[in-house]
Amino acid sequence: MKKNIGALDKVLRFLLGITGGLLVYYEVLTGPTSFIVLTAVAVLFLTALTGFCPLYGLLGIHTCRTRY
């Protein structure tokens, strides 16, 4: 699997994930919206940890400096 997410993109995904998780944890978002946000948070964390985004792969986007 080729990495297509750069360092800045990883940090932004991680921060957005934390923000979404905190919004659900502190019950700012409730009901069905919270499940949607938690799903998005899981995707953000997973893609940040692996360094690969399937959507970026489909669209041919690379935010990392070096291509493998």
N, C-alpha and C. Protein backbone atom coordinates (compact mmCIF):
# COMPACT_ATOMS: atom_id res chain seq x y z
N MET A 1 0.85 -1.16 0.00
CA MET A 1 0.00 0.00 0.00
C MET A 1 0.91 1.24 0.00
N LYS A 2 0.74 2.10 -0.97
CA LYS A 2 1.54 3.30 -1.09
C LYS A 2 0.97 4.39 -0.20
N LYS A 3 1.86 5.12 0.47
CA LYS A 3 1.40 6.22 1.31
C LYS A 3 1.11 7.42 0.44
N ASN A 4 0.01 8.07 0.72
CA ASN A 4 -0.35 9.26 -0.05
C ASN A 4 -0.78 10.43 0.84
N ILE A 5 -0.48 10.33 2.15
CA ILE A 5 -0.84 11.38 3.09
C ILE A 5 0.44 11.94 3.70
N GLY A 6 0.61 13.24 3.60
CA GLY A 6 1.79 13.90 4.15
C GLY A 6 1.65 14.21 5.63
N ALA A 7 2.72 14.76 6.20
CA ALA A 7 2.77 15.03 7.64
C ALA A 7 1.70 16.04 8.07
N LEU A 8 1.56 17.13 7.34
CA LEU A 8 0.56 18.13 7.70
C LEU A 8 -0.85 17.55 7.62
N ASP A 9 -1.11 16.77 6.60
CA ASP A 9 -2.41 16.13 6.44
C ASP A 9 -2.69 15.18 7.60
N LYS A 10 -1.68 14.45 8.05
CA LYS A 10 -1.85 13.54 9.19
C LYS A 10 -2.21 14.31 10.45
N VAL A 11 -1.51 15.41 10.69
CA VAL A 11 -1.77 16.21 11.88
C VAL A 11 -3.18 16.79 11.85
N LEU A 12 -3.59 17.31 10.69
CA LEU A 12 -4.93 17.87 10.57
C LEU A 12 -6.01 16.81 10.78
N ARG A 13 -5.80 15.62 10.22
CA ARG A 13 -6.76 14.53 10.42
C ARG A 13 -6.85 14.14 11.89
N PHE A 14 -5.69 14.09 12.56
CA PHE A 14 -5.66 13.74 13.96
C PHE A 14 -6.39 14.78 14.81
N LEU A 15 -6.12 16.07 14.54
CA LEU A 15 -6.79 17.14 15.29
C LEU A 15 -8.29 17.18 15.04
N LEU A 16 -8.70 16.97 13.80
CA LEU A 16 -10.14 16.90 13.50
C LEU A 16 -10.78 15.70 14.20
N GLY A 17 -10.06 14.60 14.26
CA GLY A 17 -10.57 13.42 14.95
C GLY A 17 -10.76 13.67 16.43
N ILE A 18 -9.79 14.32 17.05
CA ILE A 18 -9.89 14.64 18.47
C ILE A 18 -11.06 15.60 18.71
N THR A 19 -11.18 16.60 17.86
CA THR A 19 -12.28 17.56 18.00
C THR A 19 -13.63 16.89 17.88
N GLY A 20 -13.79 16.03 16.88
CA GLY A 20 -15.06 15.31 16.72
C GLY A 20 -15.35 14.40 17.89
N GLY A 21 -14.33 13.70 18.37
CA GLY A 21 -14.50 12.82 19.53
C GLY A 21 -14.91 13.59 20.77
N LEU A 22 -14.30 14.75 20.97
CA LEU A 22 -14.66 15.57 22.13
C LEU A 22 -16.07 16.12 22.03
N LEU A 23 -16.50 16.47 20.83
CA LEU A 23 -17.87 16.97 20.65
C LEU A 23 -18.89 15.90 21.03
N VAL A 24 -18.59 14.66 20.70
CA VAL A 24 -19.50 13.57 21.05
C VAL A 24 -19.38 13.25 22.54
N TYR A 25 -18.16 13.24 23.06
CA TYR A 25 -17.94 12.91 24.47
C TYR A 25 -18.65 13.88 25.40
N TYR A 26 -18.56 15.17 25.08
CA TYR A 26 -19.19 16.19 25.92
C TYR A 26 -20.64 16.45 25.53
N GLU A 27 -21.20 15.59 24.71
CA GLU A 27 -22.61 15.59 24.32
C GLU A 27 -23.05 16.90 23.66
N VAL A 28 -22.14 17.51 22.93
CA VAL A 28 -22.52 18.64 22.09
C VAL A 28 -23.30 18.10 20.90
N LEU A 29 -22.87 16.96 20.41
CA LEU A 29 -23.58 16.25 19.34
C LEU A 29 -24.20 15.00 19.93
N THR A 30 -25.48 14.79 19.68
CA THR A 30 -26.17 13.62 20.22
C THR A 30 -27.00 12.97 19.12
N GLY A 31 -27.53 11.82 19.44
CA GLY A 31 -28.41 11.11 18.51
C GLY A 31 -27.67 10.57 17.31
N PRO A 32 -28.37 10.50 16.17
CA PRO A 32 -27.76 9.94 14.96
C PRO A 32 -26.54 10.72 14.48
N THR A 33 -26.51 12.02 14.76
CA THR A 33 -25.37 12.83 14.35
C THR A 33 -24.09 12.36 15.03
N SER A 34 -24.19 11.95 16.28
CA SER A 34 -23.01 11.49 17.00
C SER A 34 -22.44 10.22 16.39
N PHE A 35 -23.30 9.33 15.90
CA PHE A 35 -22.80 8.10 15.27
C PHE A 35 -22.11 8.40 13.95
N ILE A 36 -22.63 9.36 13.22
CA ILE A 36 -22.01 9.76 11.95
C ILE A 36 -20.64 10.38 12.23
N VAL A 37 -20.57 11.24 13.23
CA VAL A 37 -19.30 11.89 13.57
C VAL A 37 -18.29 10.86 14.08
N LEU A 38 -18.72 9.93 14.90
CA LEU A 38 -17.81 8.89 15.39
C LEU A 38 -17.29 8.01 14.27
N THR A 39 -18.11 7.74 13.27
CA THR A 39 -17.64 7.00 12.10
C THR A 39 -16.59 7.79 11.34
N ALA A 40 -16.83 9.07 11.17
CA ALA A 40 -15.86 9.93 10.49
C ALA A 40 -14.57 10.02 11.30
N VAL A 41 -14.68 10.09 12.61
CA VAL A 41 -13.50 10.14 13.48
C VAL A 41 -12.67 8.86 13.32
N ALA A 42 -13.34 7.73 13.29
CA ALA A 42 -12.64 6.45 13.12
C ALA A 42 -11.89 6.42 11.79
N VAL A 43 -12.53 6.90 10.73
CA VAL A 43 -11.88 6.94 9.42
C VAL A 43 -10.69 7.89 9.44
N LEU A 44 -10.85 9.04 10.06
CA LEU A 44 -9.75 10.01 10.13
C LEU A 44 -8.55 9.42 10.88
N PHE A 45 -8.79 8.79 12.02
CA PHE A 45 -7.70 8.20 12.77
C PHE A 45 -7.04 7.05 12.00
N LEU A 46 -7.84 6.22 11.37
CA LEU A 46 -7.29 5.08 10.62
C LEU A 46 -6.42 5.55 9.46
N THR A 47 -6.89 6.54 8.72
CA THR A 47 -6.11 7.02 7.60
C THR A 47 -4.87 7.78 8.07
N ALA A 48 -4.95 8.47 9.19
CA ALA A 48 -3.78 9.17 9.73
C ALA A 48 -2.73 8.17 10.20
N LEU A 49 -3.16 7.09 10.81
CA LEU A 49 -2.21 6.08 11.30
C LEU A 49 -1.55 5.29 10.17
N THR A 50 -2.30 4.96 9.15
CA THR A 50 -1.75 4.17 8.06
C THR A 50 -1.02 5.00 7.02
N GLY A 51 -1.36 6.28 6.92
CA GLY A 51 -0.73 7.13 5.91
C GLY A 51 -1.31 6.94 4.53
N PHE A 52 -2.43 6.26 4.44
CA PHE A 52 -3.07 6.00 3.15
C PHE A 52 -4.55 6.36 3.22
N CYS A 53 -5.00 7.11 2.23
CA CYS A 53 -6.42 7.46 2.11
C CYS A 53 -6.95 6.87 0.80
N PRO A 54 -7.91 5.96 0.87
CA PRO A 54 -8.44 5.36 -0.36
C PRO A 54 -9.05 6.38 -1.32
N LEU A 55 -9.69 7.41 -0.79
CA LEU A 55 -10.28 8.44 -1.64
C LEU A 55 -9.19 9.20 -2.39
N TYR A 56 -8.10 9.52 -1.69
CA TYR A 56 -6.98 10.17 -2.36
C TYR A 56 -6.43 9.26 -3.46
N GLY A 57 -6.39 7.97 -3.20
CA GLY A 57 -5.90 7.02 -4.20
C GLY A 57 -6.76 7.02 -5.45
N LEU A 58 -8.08 7.07 -5.26
CA LEU A 58 -8.99 7.10 -6.41
C LEU A 58 -8.87 8.40 -7.21
N LEU A 59 -8.65 9.50 -6.50
CA LEU A 59 -8.57 10.79 -7.16
C LEU A 59 -7.16 11.15 -7.62
N GLY A 60 -6.17 10.33 -7.25
CA GLY A 60 -4.80 10.59 -7.66
C GLY A 60 -4.14 11.73 -6.90
N ILE A 61 -4.57 11.97 -5.66
CA ILE A 61 -4.02 13.05 -4.85
C ILE A 61 -2.92 12.49 -3.97
N HIS A 62 -1.80 13.21 -3.87
CA HIS A 62 -0.70 12.85 -3.00
C HIS A 62 -0.28 14.09 -2.24
N THR A 63 -0.38 14.06 -0.90
CA THR A 63 0.05 15.19 -0.10
C THR A 63 1.41 14.93 0.54
N CYS A 64 1.96 13.75 0.32
CA CYS A 64 3.30 13.48 0.84
C CYS A 64 4.34 13.93 -0.17
N ARG A 65 5.52 14.26 0.33
CA ARG A 65 6.57 14.78 -0.54
C ARG A 65 7.18 13.70 -1.41
N THR A 66 7.40 12.53 -0.84
CA THR A 66 8.02 11.46 -1.61
C THR A 66 6.97 10.44 -2.03
N ARG A 67 7.03 10.04 -3.24
CA ARG A 67 6.10 9.00 -3.73
C ARG A 67 6.85 7.68 -3.79
N TYR A 68 6.22 6.66 -3.26
CA TYR A 68 6.86 5.34 -3.23
C TYR A 68 6.56 4.57 -4.47
